[in-house]
Amino acid sequence: MKRMLSMIALVTLAGAACADSGMKPGLWEMHIAKNVVDGRDMAAQMAGMSDKMKEQMAKLTPEQRAQMAAMMGQHGMGVSAGGDMQLCITPEMAKRDAPVADKNGSCAPTNVRRSGNRMSYEFNCVSGGTKTTGSGESTLNGDSMTNRSDLTVVDHGQTHHIQSESEMRYVKSDCGKVKPMAAAGRP
């Protein structure tokens, strides 16, 4: 189940379109609005994990929380006080005319099309033994973005259908301790 949740997070992140349409470099927060896996709504389970993580973080000393935040930041993510995922978008990533690829750039979206502030794209790749096929769309409106994807993921012989929707909002130009995802946004 943890592997499935990791795949959901990766698929949701892949929808973050960094494009010449005006996405600002800096710190963005992402809220997962919908995650349906194999017809099962995962929102409650993910909310429960977020609540549990907040609970565990609250038990840490300020020094331990700072250390945890720094460790997450080194891996290209952070968590806001409200429990939303934080991403650091570099100027280079913001200039790309394609969605953010997976961490190592081996599953980059294809057939990327733009119309105004909307970008649609497809996935058809194999990365780390996992095959991903499907499509997505991102819409940028100033300091906010919505992302939708409909994917089929075949992992270790198991096929999963994932539908996700996320919302992102720009926080500030300084990413603070959240570092950009390694290799993300590279062609």
C-alpha atoms as a PDB file:
ATOM      1  CA  MET A   1       0.000   0.000   0.000  1.00  0.00           C
ATOM      2  CA  LYS A   2       2.850   2.403   0.789  1.00  0.00           C
ATOM      3  CA  ARG A   3       4.274   1.762  -2.706  1.00  0.00           C
ATOM      4  CA  MET A   4       0.851   2.561  -4.203  1.00  0.00           C
ATOM      5  CA  LEU A   5       0.657   5.819  -2.245  1.00  0.00           C
ATOM      6  CA  SER A   6       4.143   6.707  -3.455  1.00  0.00           C
ATOM      7  CA  MET A   7       3.009   6.080  -7.044  1.00  0.00           C
ATOM      8  CA  ILE A   8      -0.043   8.301  -6.475  1.00  0.00           C
ATOM      9  CA  ALA A   9       2.177  11.111  -5.230  1.00  0.00           C
ATOM     10  CA  LEU A  10       4.505  10.744  -8.222  1.00  0.00           C
ATOM     11  CA  VAL A  11       1.623  10.729 -10.699  1.00  0.00           C
ATOM     12  CA  THR A  12       0.129  13.813  -9.048  1.00  0.00           C
ATOM     13  CA  LEU A  13       3.466  15.614  -9.131  1.00  0.00           C
ATOM     14  CA  ALA A  14       3.898  14.805 -12.804  1.00  0.00           C
ATOM     15  CA  GLY A  15       0.897  16.988 -13.514  1.00  0.00           C
ATOM     16  CA  ALA A  16       2.654  20.104 -12.296  1.00  0.00           C
ATOM     17  CA  ALA A  17       3.080  21.909 -15.596  1.00  0.00           C
ATOM     18  CA  CYS A  18       6.007  24.274 -15.688  1.00  0.00           C
ATOM     19  CA  ALA A  19       5.610  26.347 -18.749  1.00  0.00           C
ATOM     20  CA  ASP A  20       6.214  29.610 -20.522  1.00  0.00           C
ATOM     21  CA  SER A  21       2.581  30.412 -19.795  1.00  0.00           C
ATOM     22  CA  GLY A  22       3.661  32.373 -16.717  1.00  0.00           C
ATOM     23  CA  MET A  23       4.349  29.899 -13.909  1.00  0.00           C
ATOM     24  CA  LYS A  24       6.474  31.684 -11.338  1.00  0.00           C
ATOM     25  CA  PRO A  25       9.655  30.185  -9.982  1.00  0.00           C
ATOM     26  CA  GLY A  26       9.631  29.733  -6.232  1.00  0.00           C
ATOM     27  CA  LEU A  27       7.741  27.838  -3.546  1.00  0.00           C
ATOM     28  CA  TRP A  28       4.380  26.305  -4.472  1.00  0.00           C
ATOM     29  CA  GLU A  29       1.969  24.335  -2.278  1.00  0.00           C
ATOM     30  CA  MET A  30      -0.014  21.448  -3.703  1.00  0.00           C
ATOM     31  CA  HIS A  31      -3.286  20.126  -2.348  1.00  0.00           C
ATOM     32  CA  ILE A  32      -4.544  16.800  -3.667  1.00  0.00           C
ATOM     33  CA  ALA A  33      -8.232  17.307  -4.387  1.00  0.00           C
ATOM     34  CA  LYS A  34      -9.044  13.857  -5.806  1.00  0.00           C
ATOM     35  CA  ASN A  35      -7.270  10.521  -5.981  1.00  0.00           C
ATOM     36  CA  VAL A  36      -9.206   7.517  -7.192  1.00  0.00           C
ATOM     37  CA  VAL A  37      -7.274   4.261  -7.536  1.00  0.00           C
ATOM     38  CA  ASP A  38      -8.992   1.303  -9.152  1.00  0.00           C
ATOM     39  CA  GLY A  39     -12.365   2.935  -8.486  1.00  0.00           C
ATOM     40  CA  ARG A  40     -11.594   3.491  -4.798  1.00  0.00           C
ATOM     41  CA  ASP A  41     -11.409   7.034  -3.440  1.00  0.00           C
ATOM     42  CA  MET A  42      -8.086   7.343  -1.629  1.00  0.00           C
ATOM     43  CA  ALA A  43      -8.777  10.851  -0.269  1.00  0.00           C
ATOM     44  CA  ALA A  44      -9.782   9.646   3.203  1.00  0.00           C
ATOM     45  CA  GLN A  45      -6.731   7.405   3.513  1.00  0.00           C
ATOM     46  CA  MET A  46      -4.409  10.166   2.333  1.00  0.00           C
ATOM     47  CA  ALA A  47      -6.048  12.671   4.707  1.00  0.00           C
ATOM     48  CA  GLY A  48      -5.561  10.166   7.527  1.00  0.00           C
ATOM     49  CA  MET A  49      -1.879   9.847   6.646  1.00  0.00           C
ATOM     50  CA  SER A  50      -1.560  13.634   6.584  1.00  0.00           C
ATOM     51  CA  ASP A  51      -3.239  13.894  10.007  1.00  0.00           C
ATOM     52  CA  LYS A  52      -0.977  11.157  11.389  1.00  0.00           C
ATOM     53  CA  MET A  53       2.098  12.915  10.012  1.00  0.00           C
ATOM     54  CA  LYS A  54       0.989  16.227  11.607  1.00  0.00           C
ATOM     55  CA  GLU A  55       0.437  14.396  14.893  1.00  0.00           C
ATOM     56  CA  GLN A  56       3.895  12.824  14.763  1.00  0.00           C
ATOM     57  CA  MET A  57       5.518  16.129  13.772  1.00  0.00           C
ATOM     58  CA  ALA A  58       3.829  17.840  16.742  1.00  0.00           C
ATOM     59  CA  LYS A  59       5.548  15.362  19.089  1.00  0.00           C
ATOM     60  CA  LEU A  60       8.993  16.267  17.766  1.00  0.00           C
ATOM     61  CA  THR A  61      11.188  18.859  19.388  1.00  0.00           C
ATOM     62  CA  PRO A  62      11.725  22.076  17.380  1.00  0.00           C
ATOM     63  CA  GLU A  63      15.214  20.812  16.505  1.00  0.00           C
ATOM     64  CA  GLN A  64      13.850  17.468  15.271  1.00  0.00           C
ATOM     65  CA  ARG A  65      11.156  19.249  13.205  1.00  0.00           C
ATOM     66  CA  ALA A  66      13.818  21.464  11.632  1.00  0.00           C
ATOM     67  CA  GLN A  67      15.947  18.405  10.858  1.00  0.00           C
ATOM     68  CA  MET A  68      12.947  16.595   9.295  1.00  0.00           C
ATOM     69  CA  ALA A  69      12.053  19.670   7.216  1.00  0.00           C
ATOM     70  CA  ALA A  70      15.662  19.981   6.024  1.00  0.00           C
ATOM     71  CA  MET A  71      15.758  16.290   5.072  1.00  0.00           C
ATOM     72  CA  MET A  72      12.500  16.555   3.103  1.00  0.00           C
ATOM     73  CA  GLY A  73      13.734  19.767   1.509  1.00  0.00           C
ATOM     74  CA  GLN A  74      16.841  17.989   0.226  1.00  0.00           C
ATOM     75  CA  HIS A  75      14.529  15.564  -1.622  1.00  0.00           C
ATOM     76  CA  GLY A  76      12.608  18.313  -3.380  1.00  0.00           C
ATOM     77  CA  MET A  77       9.585  18.541  -1.125  1.00  0.00           C
ATOM     78  CA  GLY A  78       8.288  20.035   2.038  1.00  0.00           C
ATOM     79  CA  VAL A  79       5.069  20.105   4.015  1.00  0.00           C
ATOM     80  CA  SER A  80       3.216  23.289   4.912  1.00  0.00           C
ATOM     81  CA  ALA A  81       1.756  23.948   8.357  1.00  0.00           C
ATOM     82  CA  GLY A  82      -1.604  22.961   6.841  1.00  0.00           C
ATOM     83  CA  GLY A  83      -0.236  19.602   5.657  1.00  0.00           C
ATOM     84  CA  ASP A  84      -0.044  20.423   1.933  1.00  0.00           C
ATOM     85  CA  MET A  85       2.976  19.299  -0.084  1.00  0.00           C
ATOM     86  CA  GLN A  86       5.453  22.029  -1.004  1.00  0.00           C
ATOM     87  CA  LEU A  87       7.509  22.092  -4.214  1.00  0.00           C
ATOM     88  CA  CYS A  88      10.379  24.298  -5.286  1.00  0.00           C
ATOM     89  CA  ILE A  89      10.128  25.373  -8.928  1.00  0.00           C
ATOM     90  CA  THR A  90      13.414  26.723 -10.311  1.00  0.00           C
ATOM     91  CA  PRO A  91      13.573  29.434 -13.000  1.00  0.00           C
ATOM     92  CA  GLU A  92      14.757  26.736 -15.442  1.00  0.00           C
ATOM     93  CA  MET A  93      11.774  24.516 -14.607  1.00  0.00           C
ATOM     94  CA  ALA A  94       9.391  27.469 -14.951  1.00  0.00           C
ATOM     95  CA  LYS A  95      10.734  28.214 -18.453  1.00  0.00           C
ATOM     96  CA  ARG A  96      10.120  24.672 -19.731  1.00  0.00           C
ATOM     97  CA  ASP A  97       7.232  24.099 -22.054  1.00  0.00           C
ATOM     98  CA  ALA A  98       6.353  20.735 -20.497  1.00  0.00           C
ATOM     99  CA  PRO A  99       5.130  19.274 -17.206  1.00  0.00           C
ATOM    100  CA  VAL A 100       7.617  18.290 -14.534  1.00  0.00           C
ATOM    101  CA  ALA A 101       8.865  14.770 -15.179  1.00  0.00           C
ATOM    102  CA  ASP A 102       9.536  12.188 -12.517  1.00  0.00           C
ATOM    103  CA  LYS A 103      12.515  12.753 -10.244  1.00  0.00           C
ATOM    104  CA  ASN A 104      15.066  11.169 -12.578  1.00  0.00           C
ATOM    105  CA  GLY A 105      13.481  12.492 -15.792  1.00  0.00           C
ATOM    106  CA  SER A 106      12.958   9.027 -17.271  1.00  0.00           C
ATOM    107  CA  CYS A 107       9.184   9.277 -17.647  1.00  0.00           C
ATOM    108  CA  ALA A 108       8.722  12.616 -19.331  1.00  0.00           C
ATOM    109  CA  PRO A 109       5.286  13.456 -20.750  1.00  0.00           C
ATOM    110  CA  THR A 110       4.872  13.285 -24.537  1.00  0.00           C
ATOM    111  CA  ASN A 111       2.582  14.887 -27.093  1.00  0.00           C
ATOM    112  CA  VAL A 112       2.472  18.118 -25.100  1.00  0.00           C
ATOM    113  CA  ARG A 113      -0.061  20.603 -26.492  1.00  0.00           C
ATOM    114  CA  ARG A 114      -0.775  24.141 -25.383  1.00  0.00           C
ATOM    115  CA  SER A 115      -3.804  26.349 -25.878  1.00  0.00           C
ATOM    116  CA  GLY A 116      -3.721  29.627 -23.939  1.00  0.00           C
ATOM    117  CA  ASN A 117      -3.264  28.843 -20.250  1.00  0.00           C
ATOM    118  CA  ARG A 118      -4.021  25.113 -20.706  1.00  0.00           C
ATOM    119  CA  MET A 119      -1.522  22.368 -21.368  1.00  0.00           C
ATOM    120  CA  SER A 120      -2.450  18.785 -22.182  1.00  0.00           C
ATOM    121  CA  TYR A 121      -0.008  15.890 -22.390  1.00  0.00           C
ATOM    122  CA  GLU A 122       0.272  12.127 -22.532  1.00  0.00           C
ATOM    123  CA  PHE A 123       2.369   9.525 -20.743  1.00  0.00           C
ATOM    124  CA  ASN A 124       3.651   6.320 -22.307  1.00  0.00           C
ATOM    125  CA  CYS A 125       6.845   5.195 -20.640  1.00  0.00           C
ATOM    126  CA  VAL A 126       8.585   2.606 -18.520  1.00  0.00           C
ATOM    127  CA  SER A 127      10.625   3.744 -15.517  1.00  0.00           C
ATOM    128  CA  GLY A 128      12.081   1.492 -12.839  1.00  0.00           C
ATOM    129  CA  GLY A 129      10.017  -1.438 -14.096  1.00  0.00           C
ATOM    130  CA  THR A 130       6.767   0.541 -13.886  1.00  0.00           C
ATOM    131  CA  LYS A 131       4.830   1.239 -17.100  1.00  0.00           C
ATOM    132  CA  THR A 132       2.700   4.391 -17.141  1.00  0.00           C
ATOM    133  CA  THR A 133       0.212   5.319 -19.873  1.00  0.00           C
ATOM    134  CA  GLY A 134      -2.496   7.972 -19.947  1.00  0.00           C
ATOM    135  CA  SER A 135      -3.098  11.669 -20.210  1.00  0.00           C
ATOM    136  CA  GLY A 136      -3.275  14.852 -18.183  1.00  0.00           C
ATOM    137  CA  GLU A 137      -4.148  18.513 -18.331  1.00  0.00           C
ATOM    138  CA  SER A 138      -2.930  21.530 -16.377  1.00  0.00           C
ATOM    139  CA  THR A 139      -4.476  25.001 -16.257  1.00  0.00           C
ATOM    140  CA  LEU A 140      -2.530  27.983 -14.918  1.00  0.00           C
ATOM    141  CA  ASN A 141      -4.415  31.022 -13.625  1.00  0.00           C
ATOM    142  CA  GLY A 142      -1.953  33.529 -12.202  1.00  0.00           C
ATOM    143  CA  ASP A 143      -0.827  32.249  -8.807  1.00  0.00           C
ATOM    144  CA  SER A 144      -2.843  29.029  -8.973  1.00  0.00           C
ATOM    145  CA  MET A 145      -2.887  25.896 -11.087  1.00  0.00           C
ATOM    146  CA  THR A 146      -5.157  22.894 -11.419  1.00  0.00           C
ATOM    147  CA  ASN A 147      -3.907  19.516 -12.618  1.00  0.00           C
ATOM    148  CA  ARG A 148      -5.883  16.466 -13.745  1.00  0.00           C
ATOM    149  CA  SER A 149      -4.605  13.099 -14.889  1.00  0.00           C
ATOM    150  CA  ASP A 150      -6.068   9.757 -15.898  1.00  0.00           C
ATOM    151  CA  LEU A 151      -3.407   7.048 -15.955  1.00  0.00           C
ATOM    152  CA  THR A 152      -2.913   3.315 -16.069  1.00  0.00           C
ATOM    153  CA  VAL A 153       0.099   2.105 -14.111  1.00  0.00           C
ATOM    154  CA  VAL A 154       1.452  -1.449 -14.397  1.00  0.00           C
ATOM    155  CA  ASP A 155       3.783  -2.145 -11.487  1.00  0.00           C
ATOM    156  CA  HIS A 156       5.192  -5.588 -10.655  1.00  0.00           C
ATOM    157  CA  GLY A 157       2.510  -7.270 -12.768  1.00  0.00           C
ATOM    158  CA  GLN A 158      -0.362  -5.386 -11.121  1.00  0.00           C
ATOM    159  CA  THR A 159      -2.425  -2.921 -13.154  1.00  0.00           C
ATOM    160  CA  HIS A 160      -3.902   0.145 -11.470  1.00  0.00           C
ATOM    161  CA  HIS A 161      -6.076   2.895 -12.911  1.00  0.00           C
ATOM    162  CA  ILE A 162      -5.410   6.260 -11.237  1.00  0.00           C
ATOM    163  CA  GLN A 163      -7.454   9.430 -11.621  1.00  0.00           C
ATOM    164  CA  SER A 164      -6.092  12.437  -9.799  1.00  0.00           C
ATOM    165  CA  GLU A 165      -6.795  16.127  -9.439  1.00  0.00           C
ATOM    166  CA  SER A 166      -4.625  18.593  -7.597  1.00  0.00           C
ATOM    167  CA  GLU A 167      -4.532  22.303  -6.972  1.00  0.00           C
ATOM    168  CA  MET A 168      -1.361  24.307  -6.592  1.00  0.00           C
ATOM    169  CA  ARG A 169      -0.847  27.823  -5.325  1.00  0.00           C
ATOM    170  CA  TYR A 170       2.170  30.071  -5.435  1.00  0.00           C
ATOM    171  CA  VAL A 171       3.532  30.937  -1.980  1.00  0.00           C
ATOM    172  CA  LYS A 172       6.685  33.034  -2.473  1.00  0.00           C
ATOM    173  CA  SER A 173       9.803  33.432  -4.585  1.00  0.00           C
ATOM    174  CA  ASP A 174      12.148  32.026  -1.905  1.00  0.00           C
ATOM    175  CA  CYS A 175      11.943  28.240  -1.551  1.00  0.00           C
ATOM    176  CA  GLY A 176      13.647  28.383   1.837  1.00  0.00           C
ATOM    177  CA  LYS A 177      14.806  24.924   2.880  1.00  0.00           C
ATOM    178  CA  VAL A 178      12.852  23.152   0.128  1.00  0.00           C
ATOM    179  CA  LYS A 179      15.302  22.295  -2.641  1.00  0.00           C
ATOM    180  CA  PRO A 180      14.270  21.636  -6.252  1.00  0.00           C
ATOM    181  CA  MET A 181      13.642  18.011  -7.144  1.00  0.00           C
ATOM    182  CA  ALA A 182      16.862  16.469  -8.454  1.00  0.00           C
ATOM    183  CA  ALA A 183      16.872  16.415 -12.244  1.00  0.00           C
ATOM    184  CA  ALA A 184      13.226  17.505 -12.400  1.00  0.00           C
ATOM    185  CA  GLY A 185      12.408  19.635 -15.379  1.00  0.00           C
ATOM    186  CA  ARG A 186      15.468  18.599 -17.378  1.00  0.00           C
ATOM    187  CA  PRO A 187      14.873  17.481 -20.950  1.00  0.00           C
END
